[in-house]
């Protein structure tokens, strides 16, 4: 948890200088077009949309709401880029492609960057093809004077995509290495042996499998430690070292497992999703939604809507 907080703080620091910088660039382009009265309307509206979204993101950034900031930043920058790249490619956009890709590589996960990079590269190529073939715009109007420059315009996004992917892979590997190092350093002088850690971890999993005490909203780490007859600080060490997770992550996983079981049970059809969530021990709707999305890969409402009318097979969170 300590590492996650530090990581979120570093992400906020990135956004705190990146959002004002991109907002300033968008304002500059809007200002230049306004002063010169030479409006390129797709670019103008994209920059205005980008500026508005980033000002809102900056407000949430000041409040430390990293998830909202990340969503606004990725969605606004990605949609503005895709719109201009597909329908109005221009020399300035082609030069900014590597910059946009590098910006995304600073905070996007490997899966997200792959999706954004693939769609972004295809959008640039599609925009060039549409502009040249459908509208008959000569390559020179796009700032491309020679055949080799045309080839570079098509290949450039894919090269930036490849280099960005390497950055993302290296960044995630570094984050994982730092997280492991922090865990190891924290429990370097633990008195528990490897065999004891394995045994206690097994006992903890067995407890969750055999007991329903975790459905109590007041179920805490101390109660689990008491049930396993071990000191609380030893149990915390075991969960971090043996299972590579926190107590509340493990607790939420089993509560989500129970939620899924009840959603598949027709006798609970009369209850709302949040009633079921409260019934298995969750105290917060936001905590429940986040835990469900993490362990099931979808939202609670989307999961329930996808169920057949007759109770089908259950899809429990992976252990």
Protein backbone atom coordinates (compact mmCIF):
# COMPACT_ATOMS: atom_id res chain seq x y z
CA UNK A 1 0.00 0.00 0.00
CA UNK A 2 2.85 2.37 0.80
CA UNK A 3 4.41 1.80 -2.61
CA UNK A 4 1.06 2.28 -4.35
CA UNK A 5 0.61 5.64 -2.62
CA UNK A 6 4.10 6.73 -3.65
CA UNK A 7 3.44 5.61 -7.22
CA UNK A 8 0.15 7.55 -7.36
CA UNK A 9 1.95 10.61 -5.97
CA UNK A 10 4.56 10.36 -8.73
CA UNK A 11 1.81 10.05 -11.34
CA UNK A 12 0.15 13.19 -9.98
CA UNK A 13 3.47 15.03 -10.23
CA UNK A 14 3.71 14.05 -13.91
CA UNK A 15 0.18 15.28 -14.58
CA UNK A 16 0.77 18.53 -12.66
CA UNK A 17 3.43 19.66 -15.13
CA UNK A 18 2.16 17.84 -18.22
CA UNK A 19 -1.43 19.17 -18.16
CA UNK A 20 -0.46 22.86 -17.89
CA UNK A 21 2.15 22.38 -20.63
CA UNK A 22 -0.29 20.82 -23.10
CA UNK A 23 -2.95 23.37 -22.12
CA UNK A 24 -0.47 26.16 -22.86
CA UNK A 25 0.33 24.67 -26.27
CA UNK A 26 -3.39 24.35 -27.07
CA UNK A 27 -3.95 27.96 -25.98
CA UNK A 28 -1.05 29.08 -28.14
CA UNK A 29 -2.45 27.42 -31.24
CA UNK A 30 -5.90 28.87 -30.57
CA UNK A 31 -4.38 32.30 -30.05
CA UNK A 32 -2.31 32.17 -33.24
CA UNK A 33 -5.36 31.21 -35.33
CA UNK A 34 -7.46 33.92 -33.66
CA UNK A 35 -4.88 36.68 -34.19
CA UNK A 36 -4.06 35.67 -37.77
CA UNK A 37 -7.73 34.97 -38.54
CA UNK A 38 -6.52 31.88 -40.35
CA UNK A 39 -8.75 29.24 -38.80
CA UNK A 40 -8.18 25.55 -39.40
CA UNK A 41 -11.47 24.58 -37.86
CA UNK A 42 -10.83 20.88 -37.03
CA UNK A 43 -7.57 21.85 -35.32
CA UNK A 44 -9.20 24.85 -33.63
CA UNK A 45 -12.05 22.86 -32.10
CA UNK A 46 -9.75 19.99 -31.13
CA UNK A 47 -7.50 22.41 -29.24
CA UNK A 48 -10.45 24.14 -27.58
CA UNK A 49 -11.87 20.76 -26.52
CA UNK A 50 -8.44 19.70 -25.28
CA UNK A 51 -7.98 22.92 -23.30
CA UNK A 52 -11.39 22.62 -21.63
CA UNK A 53 -10.90 18.96 -20.68
CA UNK A 54 -7.43 19.66 -19.28
CA UNK A 55 -8.62 22.58 -17.15
CA UNK A 56 -11.20 20.24 -15.61
CA UNK A 57 -8.49 17.59 -15.15
CA UNK A 58 -6.27 20.17 -13.46
CA UNK A 59 -9.02 20.82 -10.92
CA UNK A 60 -9.26 17.12 -10.03
CA UNK A 61 -5.46 16.91 -10.04
CA UNK A 62 -5.34 19.51 -7.26
CA UNK A 63 -7.68 17.25 -5.26
CA UNK A 64 -5.49 14.18 -5.79
CA UNK A 65 -8.11 12.19 -7.73
CA UNK A 66 -5.67 10.34 -9.95
CA UNK A 67 -8.22 8.04 -11.62
CA UNK A 68 -10.42 10.91 -12.81
CA UNK A 69 -7.37 12.86 -14.00
CA UNK A 70 -5.97 9.87 -15.88
CA UNK A 71 -9.30 9.21 -17.60
CA UNK A 72 -9.81 12.84 -18.66
CA UNK A 73 -6.24 13.15 -19.89
CA UNK A 74 -6.19 9.93 -21.91
CA UNK A 75 -9.70 10.37 -23.33
CA UNK A 76 -9.32 14.03 -24.31
CA UNK A 77 -5.82 13.76 -25.78
CA UNK A 78 -6.59 10.45 -27.50
CA UNK A 79 -9.91 11.53 -29.04
CA UNK A 80 -8.55 14.92 -30.19
CA UNK A 81 -5.53 13.25 -31.77
CA UNK A 82 -7.58 10.55 -33.50
CA UNK A 83 -10.11 13.06 -34.86
CA UNK A 84 -7.50 15.37 -36.38
CA UNK A 85 -5.27 12.50 -37.55
CA UNK A 86 -8.11 10.75 -39.37
CA UNK A 87 -9.94 13.68 -40.94
CA UNK A 88 -7.37 16.46 -41.19
CA UNK A 89 -3.75 15.27 -41.26
CA UNK A 90 -1.29 18.15 -41.59
CA UNK A 91 2.47 18.70 -41.30
CA UNK A 92 2.21 19.92 -37.70
CA UNK A 93 0.28 16.82 -36.65
CA UNK A 94 2.79 14.48 -38.29
CA UNK A 95 5.60 16.10 -36.29
CA UNK A 96 3.64 15.75 -33.04
CA UNK A 97 2.92 12.03 -33.42
CA UNK A 98 6.10 10.85 -31.60
CA UNK A 99 5.48 13.38 -28.82
CA UNK A 100 1.93 12.13 -28.23
CA UNK A 101 3.13 8.53 -28.13
CA UNK A 102 5.93 9.37 -25.67
CA UNK A 103 3.47 11.21 -23.42
CA UNK A 104 1.20 8.17 -23.26
CA UNK A 105 4.17 5.92 -22.51
CA UNK A 106 4.79 7.84 -19.26
CA UNK A 107 1.64 6.61 -17.51
CA UNK A 108 -0.35 4.14 -19.65
CA UNK A 109 -0.29 0.44 -18.82
CA UNK A 110 1.10 -2.02 -21.35
CA UNK A 111 -2.38 -3.07 -22.50
CA UNK A 112 -3.67 0.51 -22.72
CA UNK A 113 -0.62 1.73 -24.61
CA UNK A 114 -0.89 -1.14 -27.09
CA UNK A 115 -4.53 -0.23 -27.80
CA UNK A 116 -3.86 3.52 -28.05
CA UNK A 117 -0.72 3.03 -30.13
CA UNK A 118 -2.33 0.62 -32.56
CA UNK A 119 -5.40 2.79 -33.11
CA UNK A 120 -3.30 5.97 -33.26
CA UNK A 121 -0.90 4.61 -35.88
CA UNK A 122 -3.76 3.29 -38.00
CA UNK A 123 -5.56 6.65 -37.69
CA UNK A 124 -2.56 8.56 -39.05
CA UNK A 125 -2.16 6.14 -41.97
CA UNK A 126 -5.89 6.19 -42.69
CA UNK A 127 -5.96 9.99 -42.55
CA UNK A 128 -3.13 10.25 -45.09
CA UNK A 129 -4.83 7.77 -47.43
CA UNK A 130 -8.23 9.51 -47.19
CA UNK A 131 -6.68 12.91 -47.76
CA UNK A 132 -4.67 11.79 -50.79
CA UNK A 133 -7.07 9.39 -52.51
CA UNK A 134 -10.53 10.71 -51.63
CA UNK A 135 -9.84 14.43 -51.52
CA UNK A 136 -7.02 14.48 -54.07
CA UNK A 137 -4.76 16.55 -51.83
CA UNK A 138 -1.18 16.44 -53.14
CA UNK A 139 1.55 15.22 -50.81
CA UNK A 140 3.23 18.62 -51.01
CA UNK A 141 0.26 20.20 -49.22
CA UNK A 142 1.05 17.91 -46.30
CA UNK A 143 4.66 19.07 -46.20
CA UNK A 144 5.91 15.94 -47.98
CA UNK A 145 8.23 16.79 -50.86
CA UNK A 146 9.78 13.45 -51.73
CA UNK A 147 8.79 9.79 -51.84
CA UNK A 148 11.03 9.02 -48.89
CA UNK A 149 9.18 11.63 -46.82
CA UNK A 150 5.86 10.02 -47.73
CA UNK A 151 7.17 6.65 -46.57
CA UNK A 152 8.43 8.25 -43.35
CA UNK A 153 5.00 9.78 -42.72
CA UNK A 154 3.41 6.32 -42.94
CA UNK A 155 6.11 4.50 -40.97
CA UNK A 156 6.78 7.22 -38.39
CA UNK A 157 3.81 6.43 -36.11
CA UNK A 158 4.73 2.73 -36.07
CA UNK A 159 8.32 3.51 -35.15
CA UNK A 160 7.10 5.79 -32.34
CA UNK A 161 4.70 3.03 -31.29
CA UNK A 162 7.56 0.52 -31.10
CA UNK A 163 9.83 2.81 -29.08
CA UNK A 164 6.94 3.78 -26.80
CA UNK A 165 6.19 0.10 -26.17
CA UNK A 166 9.79 -0.44 -25.09
CA UNK A 167 9.54 2.50 -22.68
CA UNK A 168 6.30 1.15 -21.19
CA UNK A 169 7.78 -2.34 -20.80
CA UNK A 170 10.90 -0.96 -19.11
CA UNK A 171 8.84 1.32 -16.87
CA UNK A 172 6.57 -1.49 -15.68
CA UNK A 173 9.58 -3.77 -15.09
CA UNK A 174 11.23 -1.03 -13.03
CA UNK A 175 8.05 -0.44 -11.01
CA UNK A 176 7.74 -4.15 -10.24
CA UNK A 177 11.40 -4.36 -9.25
CA UNK A 178 11.04 -1.36 -6.93
CA UNK A 179 7.88 -2.81 -5.39
CA UNK A 180 9.59 -6.14 -4.74
CA UNK A 181 12.61 -4.37 -3.28
CA UNK A 182 10.43 -2.37 -0.90
CA UNK A 183 8.63 -5.50 0.27
CA UNK A 184 11.89 -7.39 0.73
CA UNK A 185 13.49 -4.51 2.61
CA UNK A 186 10.46 -4.11 4.84
CA UNK A 187 10.58 -7.71 6.00
CA UNK A 188 14.29 -8.36 5.61
CA UNK A 189 14.65 -9.10 9.31
CA UNK A 190 11.50 -11.18 9.65
CA UNK A 191 11.77 -14.02 12.14
CA UNK A 192 9.52 -16.25 10.01
CA UNK A 193 11.08 -18.98 7.92
CA UNK A 194 10.00 -19.72 4.35
CA UNK A 195 8.17 -22.85 5.57
CA UNK A 196 6.28 -20.84 8.19
CA UNK A 197 5.29 -18.20 5.65
CA UNK A 198 3.97 -20.88 3.29
CA UNK A 199 2.04 -22.64 6.07
CA UNK A 200 0.43 -19.46 7.40
CA UNK A 201 -0.51 -18.37 3.88
CA UNK A 202 -2.13 -21.76 3.28
CA UNK A 203 -4.03 -21.48 6.57
CA UNK A 204 -5.25 -18.00 5.66
CA UNK A 205 -6.60 -19.19 2.31
CA UNK A 206 -8.23 -22.21 4.01
CA UNK A 207 -9.94 -19.87 6.47
CA UNK A 208 -11.52 -17.83 3.67
CA UNK A 209 -12.56 -20.99 1.86
CA UNK A 210 -14.22 -22.60 4.88
CA UNK A 211 -15.56 -19.69 6.91
CA UNK A 212 -18.06 -16.95 6.15
CA UNK A 213 -16.81 -14.63 8.89
CA UNK A 214 -15.38 -12.32 6.24
CA UNK A 215 -18.95 -11.32 5.29
CA UNK A 216 -19.08 -9.33 8.53
CA UNK A 217 -18.59 -5.63 7.66
CA UNK A 218 -16.36 -5.29 10.74
CA UNK A 219 -14.03 -8.16 9.78
CA UNK A 220 -10.44 -6.92 10.14
CA UNK A 221 -6.87 -8.18 10.04
CA UNK A 222 -6.79 -8.62 13.81
CA UNK A 223 -9.77 -10.95 13.68
CA UNK A 224 -8.16 -13.14 11.04
CA UNK A 225 -4.92 -13.21 13.04
CA UNK A 226 -6.88 -14.28 16.13
CA UNK A 227 -8.59 -17.06 14.17
CA UNK A 228 -5.22 -18.32 12.92
CA UNK A 229 -3.64 -17.90 16.38
CA UNK A 230 -0.71 -15.82 15.12
CA UNK A 231 0.44 -12.23 15.84
CA UNK A 232 -1.12 -9.61 13.59
CA UNK A 233 2.23 -8.29 12.35
CA UNK A 234 3.27 -11.83 11.32
CA UNK A 235 0.07 -12.23 9.32
CA UNK A 236 0.69 -8.91 7.56
CA UNK A 237 4.19 -10.10 6.64
CA UNK A 238 2.86 -13.40 5.31
CA UNK A 239 0.25 -11.76 3.10
CA UNK A 240 2.86 -9.42 1.61
CA UNK A 241 5.64 -11.98 1.23
CA UNK A 242 3.73 -15.20 0.68
CA UNK A 243 0.73 -13.96 -1.31
CA UNK A 244 2.08 -10.65 -2.65
CA UNK A 245 -1.06 -8.79 -1.64
CA UNK A 246 -2.65 -6.83 1.16
CA UNK A 247 -5.25 -8.08 3.62
CA UNK A 248 -8.00 -5.90 2.15
CA UNK A 249 -7.24 -7.04 -1.39
CA UNK A 250 -7.64 -10.66 -0.29
CA UNK A 251 -10.75 -9.82 1.70
CA UNK A 252 -12.36 -7.99 -1.20
CA UNK A 253 -11.60 -10.86 -3.56
CA UNK A 254 -13.58 -13.32 -1.46
CA UNK A 255 -16.38 -10.84 -0.96
CA UNK A 256 -16.58 -10.35 -4.73
CA UNK A 257 -16.63 -14.12 -5.11
CA UNK A 258 -19.68 -14.22 -2.85
CA UNK A 259 -21.31 -11.35 -4.77
CA UNK A 260 -20.89 -13.26 -8.04
CA UNK A 261 -22.36 -16.36 -6.44
CA UNK A 262 -25.43 -14.43 -5.34
CA UNK A 263 -25.81 -12.68 -8.70
CA UNK A 264 -25.99 -16.14 -10.28
CA UNK A 265 -28.52 -17.27 -7.69
CA UNK A 266 -32.12 -16.52 -8.76
CA UNK A 267 -33.21 -16.24 -5.12
CA UNK A 268 -31.29 -12.92 -5.00
CA UNK A 269 -32.88 -11.51 -8.16
CA UNK A 270 -35.11 -9.27 -6.08
CA UNK A 271 -32.12 -7.49 -4.54
CA UNK A 272 -30.25 -4.62 -6.13
CA UNK A 273 -26.55 -4.99 -6.75
CA UNK A 274 -25.62 -2.59 -3.98
CA UNK A 275 -27.88 -4.47 -1.55
CA UNK A 276 -26.00 -7.66 -2.38
CA UNK A 277 -22.69 -5.81 -1.95
CA UNK A 278 -23.69 -4.53 1.49
CA UNK A 279 -24.88 -8.02 2.35
CA UNK A 280 -21.39 -9.49 1.88
CA UNK A 281 -19.62 -6.87 3.99
CA UNK A 282 -18.87 -3.90 1.73
CA UNK A 283 -19.47 -0.51 3.34
CA UNK A 284 -18.78 1.70 0.33
CA UNK A 285 -20.28 1.63 -3.15
CA UNK A 286 -17.12 3.06 -4.72
CA UNK A 287 -14.91 0.47 -2.99
CA UNK A 288 -17.21 -2.31 -4.15
CA UNK A 289 -17.30 -1.09 -7.76
CA UNK A 290 -13.51 -0.76 -7.88
CA UNK A 291 -13.00 -4.23 -6.37
CA UNK A 292 -15.52 -5.83 -8.73
CA UNK A 293 -13.90 -4.25 -11.80
CA UNK A 294 -10.44 -5.34 -10.60
CA UNK A 295 -11.33 -8.99 -9.98
CA UNK A 296 -13.98 -9.53 -12.66
CA UNK A 297 -12.78 -7.21 -15.42
CA UNK A 298 -16.20 -5.60 -15.87
CA UNK A 299 -18.71 -3.51 -13.95
CA UNK A 300 -21.29 -5.13 -11.64
CA UNK A 301 -24.23 -3.92 -13.73
CA UNK A 302 -22.66 -5.14 -16.99
CA UNK A 303 -21.97 -8.52 -15.42
CA UNK A 304 -25.55 -8.89 -14.20
CA UNK A 305 -27.02 -7.81 -17.52
CA UNK A 306 -24.93 -10.48 -19.25
CA UNK A 307 -26.35 -13.28 -17.13
CA UNK A 308 -28.98 -15.58 -18.68
CA UNK A 309 -32.40 -15.57 -17.08
CA UNK A 310 -31.77 -19.04 -15.75
CA UNK A 311 -28.73 -19.15 -13.46
CA UNK A 312 -25.77 -20.01 -15.61
CA UNK A 313 -22.23 -21.01 -14.89
CA UNK A 314 -20.38 -18.94 -12.31
CA UNK A 315 -17.28 -16.94 -13.11
CA UNK A 316 -15.40 -16.45 -9.89
CA UNK A 317 -12.41 -14.15 -9.44
CA UNK A 318 -9.15 -15.90 -10.17
CA UNK A 319 -7.17 -17.03 -7.16
